[in-house]
């Protein structure tokens, strides 16, 4: 069950947002454990990623949960969320994150949600979170790949790309309403 209204599924966009928000709220009381599970799983899926992080992951774990909370809070305000995610993509590209890593991160996130939510991790919840992650990863990856020095001449073009990305978020695989 996806979030694209044109795919014939019954799930409504507000319902997908509700599912993501309510299940994230269920994880908040065990946020430290969820972050531990996420990084344990991430490094088990790709041990080479471990060297990209500090020995002590406490700050990174807090940053992960804060970033997820931010995204969850802005799901219905993509015009505000997209620029934040674009900057996050640039920052992660600077850390050496490559396109192939996004699939690993997505797998680790979904696995963590499944472990943390247990029976509440229904197929509809999985689909909602997968679609959110796919949109985030696409935005982060696309902006990082197209990054370069922005001059005044490129500024309007970059704004058009950003606008088109917002439309894509609110179109095809939508979790937001067009504004």
Protein backbone atom coordinates (compact mmCIF):
# COMPACT_ATOMS: atom_id res chain seq x y z
CA UNK A 1 0.00 0.00 0.00
CA UNK A 2 1.61 3.20 -1.14
CA UNK A 3 1.04 6.87 -0.73
CA UNK A 4 0.43 7.67 -4.36
CA UNK A 5 -3.27 8.39 -4.82
CA UNK A 6 -3.02 7.29 -8.45
CA UNK A 7 -1.88 3.77 -7.55
CA UNK A 8 -5.43 2.70 -6.71
CA UNK A 9 -4.76 2.08 -3.03
CA UNK A 10 -7.20 3.09 -0.33
CA UNK A 11 -4.70 4.84 1.98
CA UNK A 12 -5.24 8.56 2.09
CA UNK A 13 -2.35 11.01 2.35
CA UNK A 14 -3.45 12.36 5.77
CA UNK A 15 -3.65 8.76 6.98
CA UNK A 16 -0.06 8.08 5.94
CA UNK A 17 1.11 11.17 7.83
CA UNK A 18 -0.91 10.07 10.85
CA UNK A 19 0.69 6.61 10.72
CA UNK A 20 4.22 7.98 10.55
CA UNK A 21 3.59 10.49 13.32
CA UNK A 22 1.83 8.08 15.64
CA UNK A 23 4.44 5.37 15.25
CA UNK A 24 7.28 7.84 15.75
CA UNK A 25 5.56 8.97 18.95
CA UNK A 26 5.54 5.34 20.08
CA UNK A 27 9.32 5.21 19.64
CA UNK A 28 10.07 8.40 21.56
CA UNK A 29 10.02 6.76 25.02
CA UNK A 30 12.70 4.32 23.78
CA UNK A 31 14.56 6.73 21.49
CA UNK A 32 17.97 5.78 22.87
CA UNK A 33 17.30 2.10 22.28
CA UNK A 34 15.92 2.82 18.80
CA UNK A 35 19.07 4.76 17.91
CA UNK A 36 21.24 1.93 19.27
CA UNK A 37 19.31 -0.59 17.18
CA UNK A 38 19.59 1.60 14.10
CA UNK A 39 23.36 2.00 14.25
CA UNK A 40 23.93 -1.63 15.23
CA UNK A 41 21.92 -2.70 12.22
CA UNK A 42 23.53 -0.14 9.90
CA UNK A 43 27.02 -1.32 10.80
CA UNK A 44 26.04 -4.97 10.53
CA UNK A 45 24.70 -4.35 7.02
CA UNK A 46 27.78 -2.37 5.96
CA UNK A 47 30.70 -2.59 8.42
CA UNK A 48 32.73 -0.15 6.29
CA UNK A 49 30.35 2.64 7.32
CA UNK A 50 31.50 2.41 10.94
CA UNK A 51 34.76 4.23 10.22
CA UNK A 52 32.82 7.26 8.98
CA UNK A 53 31.56 7.91 12.52
CA UNK A 54 33.18 8.96 15.78
CA UNK A 55 33.98 6.22 18.29
CA UNK A 56 31.33 7.57 20.65
CA UNK A 57 27.99 7.66 18.86
CA UNK A 58 25.99 9.40 21.59
CA UNK A 59 25.79 12.77 19.81
CA UNK A 60 25.12 11.06 16.47
CA UNK A 61 22.26 9.05 17.98
CA UNK A 62 20.70 12.21 19.37
CA UNK A 63 21.10 13.90 15.98
CA UNK A 64 19.41 10.95 14.25
CA UNK A 65 16.37 11.07 16.49
CA UNK A 66 16.19 14.87 16.27
CA UNK A 67 16.36 14.73 12.45
CA UNK A 68 13.63 12.09 12.33
CA UNK A 69 11.51 14.19 14.66
CA UNK A 70 12.01 17.24 12.46
CA UNK A 71 11.00 15.34 9.32
CA UNK A 72 7.96 13.82 11.00
CA UNK A 73 6.89 17.24 12.22
CA UNK A 74 7.16 18.82 8.78
CA UNK A 75 5.56 16.10 6.66
CA UNK A 76 2.58 18.29 5.89
CA UNK A 77 4.78 21.35 5.20
CA UNK A 78 7.13 20.24 2.46
CA UNK A 79 7.77 23.79 1.30
CA UNK A 80 9.62 24.21 4.60
CA UNK A 81 11.03 20.67 4.80
CA UNK A 82 12.61 20.39 1.34
CA UNK A 83 15.28 23.09 1.86
CA UNK A 84 16.25 21.49 5.18
CA UNK A 85 16.59 18.08 3.55
CA UNK A 86 18.57 19.56 0.66
CA UNK A 87 21.10 20.98 3.13
CA UNK A 88 21.21 17.65 4.94
CA UNK A 89 22.02 15.96 1.63
CA UNK A 90 24.88 18.36 0.98
CA UNK A 91 26.24 17.82 4.47
CA UNK A 92 26.08 14.03 4.13
CA UNK A 93 27.74 14.17 0.71
CA UNK A 94 30.57 16.00 2.43
CA UNK A 95 30.83 13.06 4.84
CA UNK A 96 31.29 10.74 1.87
CA UNK A 97 27.77 9.30 1.75
CA UNK A 98 27.27 7.69 -1.63
CA UNK A 99 24.13 6.70 -3.51
CA UNK A 100 24.46 3.02 -2.52
CA UNK A 101 24.51 3.96 1.17
CA UNK A 102 20.95 5.28 1.04
CA UNK A 103 19.52 1.79 0.51
CA UNK A 104 21.50 0.51 3.48
CA UNK A 105 20.31 3.36 5.69
CA UNK A 106 16.72 2.78 4.56
CA UNK A 107 16.96 -0.93 5.35
CA UNK A 108 18.40 -0.18 8.78
CA UNK A 109 15.67 2.37 9.49
CA UNK A 110 12.82 0.06 8.50
CA UNK A 111 14.33 -2.82 10.48
CA UNK A 112 14.68 -0.55 13.52
CA UNK A 113 11.07 0.55 13.23
CA UNK A 114 9.96 -3.06 12.94
CA UNK A 115 11.93 -4.03 16.05
CA UNK A 116 10.79 -1.04 18.05
CA UNK A 117 7.13 -1.14 17.08
CA UNK A 118 6.54 -4.89 17.04
CA UNK A 119 2.97 -5.70 15.96
CA UNK A 120 2.25 -1.99 15.39
CA UNK A 121 4.63 -2.15 12.40
CA UNK A 122 1.89 -3.09 9.96
CA UNK A 123 2.23 -3.23 6.17
CA UNK A 124 0.60 0.22 5.98
CA UNK A 125 3.09 1.63 8.50
CA UNK A 126 5.98 0.05 6.59
CA UNK A 127 4.74 1.56 3.32
CA UNK A 128 4.30 5.01 4.85
CA UNK A 129 7.80 5.03 6.37
CA UNK A 130 9.36 3.56 3.22
CA UNK A 131 7.78 6.26 1.08
CA UNK A 132 8.92 8.99 3.47
CA UNK A 133 12.46 7.63 3.47
CA UNK A 134 12.48 7.25 -0.32
CA UNK A 135 11.46 10.88 -0.76
CA UNK A 136 14.06 12.05 1.74
CA UNK A 137 16.81 9.97 0.15
CA UNK A 138 15.88 11.13 -3.34
CA UNK A 139 15.93 14.78 -2.29
CA UNK A 140 19.20 14.42 -0.38
CA UNK A 141 20.88 12.50 -3.18
CA UNK A 142 19.61 14.74 -5.98
CA UNK A 143 20.69 17.94 -4.30
CA UNK A 144 24.10 16.52 -3.38
CA UNK A 145 24.65 15.31 -6.96
CA UNK A 146 23.66 18.65 -8.46
CA UNK A 147 25.59 20.70 -5.92
CA UNK A 148 28.23 23.08 -6.97
CA UNK A 149 29.08 26.68 -6.42
CA UNK A 150 25.97 28.77 -6.86
CA UNK A 151 26.53 32.09 -8.57
CA UNK A 152 23.93 34.78 -9.06
CA UNK A 153 23.32 33.44 -12.56
CA UNK A 154 22.68 29.93 -11.21
CA UNK A 155 20.55 31.08 -8.28
CA UNK A 156 17.30 31.27 -10.20
CA UNK A 157 17.97 27.90 -11.82
CA UNK A 158 18.64 26.29 -8.42
CA UNK A 159 15.38 27.80 -7.13
CA UNK A 160 13.54 26.25 -10.10
CA UNK A 161 15.08 22.84 -9.35
CA UNK A 162 14.00 23.22 -5.73
CA UNK A 163 10.47 24.15 -6.82
CA UNK A 164 10.32 21.16 -9.16
CA UNK A 165 11.46 18.89 -6.33
CA UNK A 166 8.66 20.25 -4.11
CA UNK A 167 6.19 19.50 -6.87
CA UNK A 168 7.61 15.99 -7.17
CA UNK A 169 7.23 15.50 -3.42
CA UNK A 170 3.64 16.61 -3.63
CA UNK A 171 2.95 14.74 -6.85
CA UNK A 172 3.72 11.18 -7.87
CA UNK A 173 4.70 9.57 -4.55
CA UNK A 174 2.95 12.06 -2.38
CA UNK A 175 2.75 12.39 1.36
CA UNK A 176 1.73 16.01 1.27
CA UNK A 177 -0.99 18.09 -0.24
CA UNK A 178 -0.19 20.48 -3.07
CA UNK A 179 -0.26 24.07 -1.94
